[in-house]
Amino acid sequence: QVQLVESGGGLVQAGESLRLSCAASGSRFSINVMGWYRQAPGKQRELVASITSGGKANYADSVKGRFTISRDNAKNTVYLQMNSLKPEDTSVYYCNYKPYDYWGQGTQVTVSS
């Protein structure tokens, strides 16, 4: 079992920044992918960004150039730096750990216009 604890969500105005963190504990895999997904009310959960244990990152087109994912393998933690936030970024953000698709509890990000 892998436990994921997220932090860093909140309410900001458009154009501002937030940083999300997700710490993994429990049984872990040396080769893994950690990522962030988001789900707005009435919409499907979608990938925001992911990063492999080797550091290869992948982004949704909607966040490229604004969001940066990074990880600290020594701390088993993944980060999502979100800059130039837009109202359409408002969602619950979930941390994900592969293999086996472990999920965090989610953290709310609200961007006001």
Protein backbone atom coordinates (compact mmCIF):
# COMPACT_ATOMS: atom_id res chain seq x y z
CA GLN A 1 0.00 0.00 0.00
CA VAL A 2 1.09 3.54 -0.81
CA GLN A 3 -0.33 6.49 1.10
CA LEU A 4 -0.37 9.91 -0.53
CA VAL A 5 -0.84 13.15 1.42
CA GLU A 6 -1.42 16.34 -0.54
CA SER A 7 -1.09 19.92 0.59
CA GLY A 8 -0.94 23.41 -0.85
CA GLY A 9 -4.36 24.06 -2.32
CA GLY A 10 -6.29 27.24 -1.69
CA LEU A 11 -8.05 30.28 -3.08
CA VAL A 12 -6.11 32.69 -5.28
CA GLN A 13 -6.85 35.35 -7.86
CA ALA A 14 -6.23 34.91 -11.56
CA GLY A 15 -2.58 35.39 -12.43
CA GLU A 16 -1.31 34.28 -9.05
CA SER A 17 0.62 31.13 -8.15
CA LEU A 18 0.27 28.08 -5.94
CA ARG A 19 2.46 25.09 -5.21
CA LEU A 20 1.02 21.70 -4.46
CA SER A 21 2.94 18.98 -2.66
CA CYS A 22 2.29 15.27 -2.38
CA ALA A 23 4.25 13.02 -0.05
CA ALA A 24 4.24 9.26 -0.56
CA SER A 25 4.70 6.78 2.27
CA GLY A 26 4.33 3.06 2.81
CA SER A 27 5.36 0.42 0.30
CA ARG A 28 6.91 2.06 -2.73
CA PHE A 29 8.31 1.02 -6.07
CA SER A 30 11.72 2.13 -7.26
CA ILE A 31 10.34 2.61 -10.77
CA ASN A 32 7.20 4.68 -10.60
CA VAL A 33 5.30 7.61 -12.03
CA MET A 34 3.83 10.31 -9.83
CA GLY A 35 1.38 12.77 -11.20
CA TRP A 36 -1.36 15.28 -10.68
CA TYR A 37 -4.88 14.96 -12.00
CA ARG A 38 -7.78 17.33 -11.57
CA GLN A 39 -11.52 17.04 -11.62
CA ALA A 40 -13.99 19.91 -11.84
CA PRO A 41 -17.68 19.45 -10.96
CA GLY A 42 -19.49 17.57 -13.69
CA LYS A 43 -16.30 16.80 -15.59
CA GLN A 44 -14.07 13.78 -15.93
CA ARG A 45 -10.80 13.55 -14.07
CA GLU A 46 -7.96 14.62 -16.33
CA LEU A 47 -4.21 14.39 -16.25
CA VAL A 48 -2.45 17.67 -15.47
CA ALA A 49 1.16 16.52 -15.31
CA SER A 50 3.21 13.47 -14.48
CA ILE A 51 6.86 12.69 -13.85
CA THR A 52 8.72 9.40 -13.87
CA SER A 53 11.16 8.31 -11.18
CA GLY A 54 13.85 9.15 -13.75
CA GLY A 55 12.60 12.73 -14.06
CA LYS A 56 10.79 12.68 -17.40
CA ALA A 57 7.82 15.04 -17.27
CA ASN A 58 4.60 15.13 -19.25
CA TYR A 59 2.02 17.94 -19.32
CA ALA A 60 -1.50 18.53 -20.50
CA ASP A 61 -1.57 21.07 -23.32
CA SER A 62 -3.73 23.38 -21.22
CA VAL A 63 -1.00 23.86 -18.59
CA LYS A 64 2.18 23.77 -20.67
CA GLY A 65 4.31 26.83 -20.00
CA ARG A 66 2.42 27.66 -16.78
CA PHE A 67 2.80 24.58 -14.56
CA THR A 68 5.96 22.74 -13.61
CA ILE A 69 6.09 19.31 -12.02
CA SER A 70 9.12 18.18 -10.07
CA ARG A 71 10.02 15.55 -7.53
CA ASP A 72 12.41 14.89 -4.70
CA ASN A 73 13.06 11.16 -4.65
CA ALA A 74 14.87 11.36 -1.32
CA LYS A 75 11.70 12.77 0.24
CA ASN A 76 9.30 10.70 -1.90
CA THR A 77 7.53 13.93 -2.72
CA VAL A 78 6.18 15.41 -5.94
CA TYR A 79 5.45 19.08 -6.45
CA LEU A 80 3.30 21.04 -8.85
CA GLN A 81 4.22 24.69 -9.26
CA MET A 82 1.26 26.47 -10.81
CA ASN A 83 1.85 29.94 -12.20
CA SER A 84 -0.41 32.33 -14.10
CA LEU A 85 -3.46 30.56 -12.74
CA LYS A 86 -6.74 30.95 -14.58
CA PRO A 87 -10.34 30.52 -13.38
CA GLU A 88 -10.58 27.41 -15.56
CA ASP A 89 -7.85 25.81 -13.43
CA THR A 90 -10.36 25.64 -10.58
CA SER A 91 -10.69 21.97 -9.61
CA VAL A 92 -9.94 19.39 -7.01
CA TYR A 93 -6.37 18.26 -7.64
CA TYR A 94 -5.42 14.66 -6.92
CA CYS A 95 -2.02 13.12 -6.53
CA ASN A 96 -1.50 9.80 -8.27
CA TYR A 97 1.14 7.09 -7.92
CA LYS A 98 1.72 4.37 -10.45
CA PRO A 99 1.95 1.41 -10.71
CA TYR A 100 -1.40 0.34 -9.33
CA ASP A 101 -3.01 3.81 -9.35
CA TYR A 102 -2.89 4.99 -5.77
CA TRP A 103 -4.70 8.29 -5.14
CA GLY A 104 -4.50 11.06 -2.61
CA GLN A 105 -7.55 12.58 -0.95
CA GLY A 106 -7.54 15.65 -3.17
CA THR A 107 -6.93 19.32 -2.53
CA GLN A 108 -9.15 22.15 -3.73
CA VAL A 109 -7.71 24.87 -5.95
CA THR A 110 -9.99 27.82 -6.60
CA VAL A 111 -9.00 30.67 -8.91
CA SER A 112 -11.17 33.76 -8.86
CA SER A 113 -11.39 36.16 -11.77
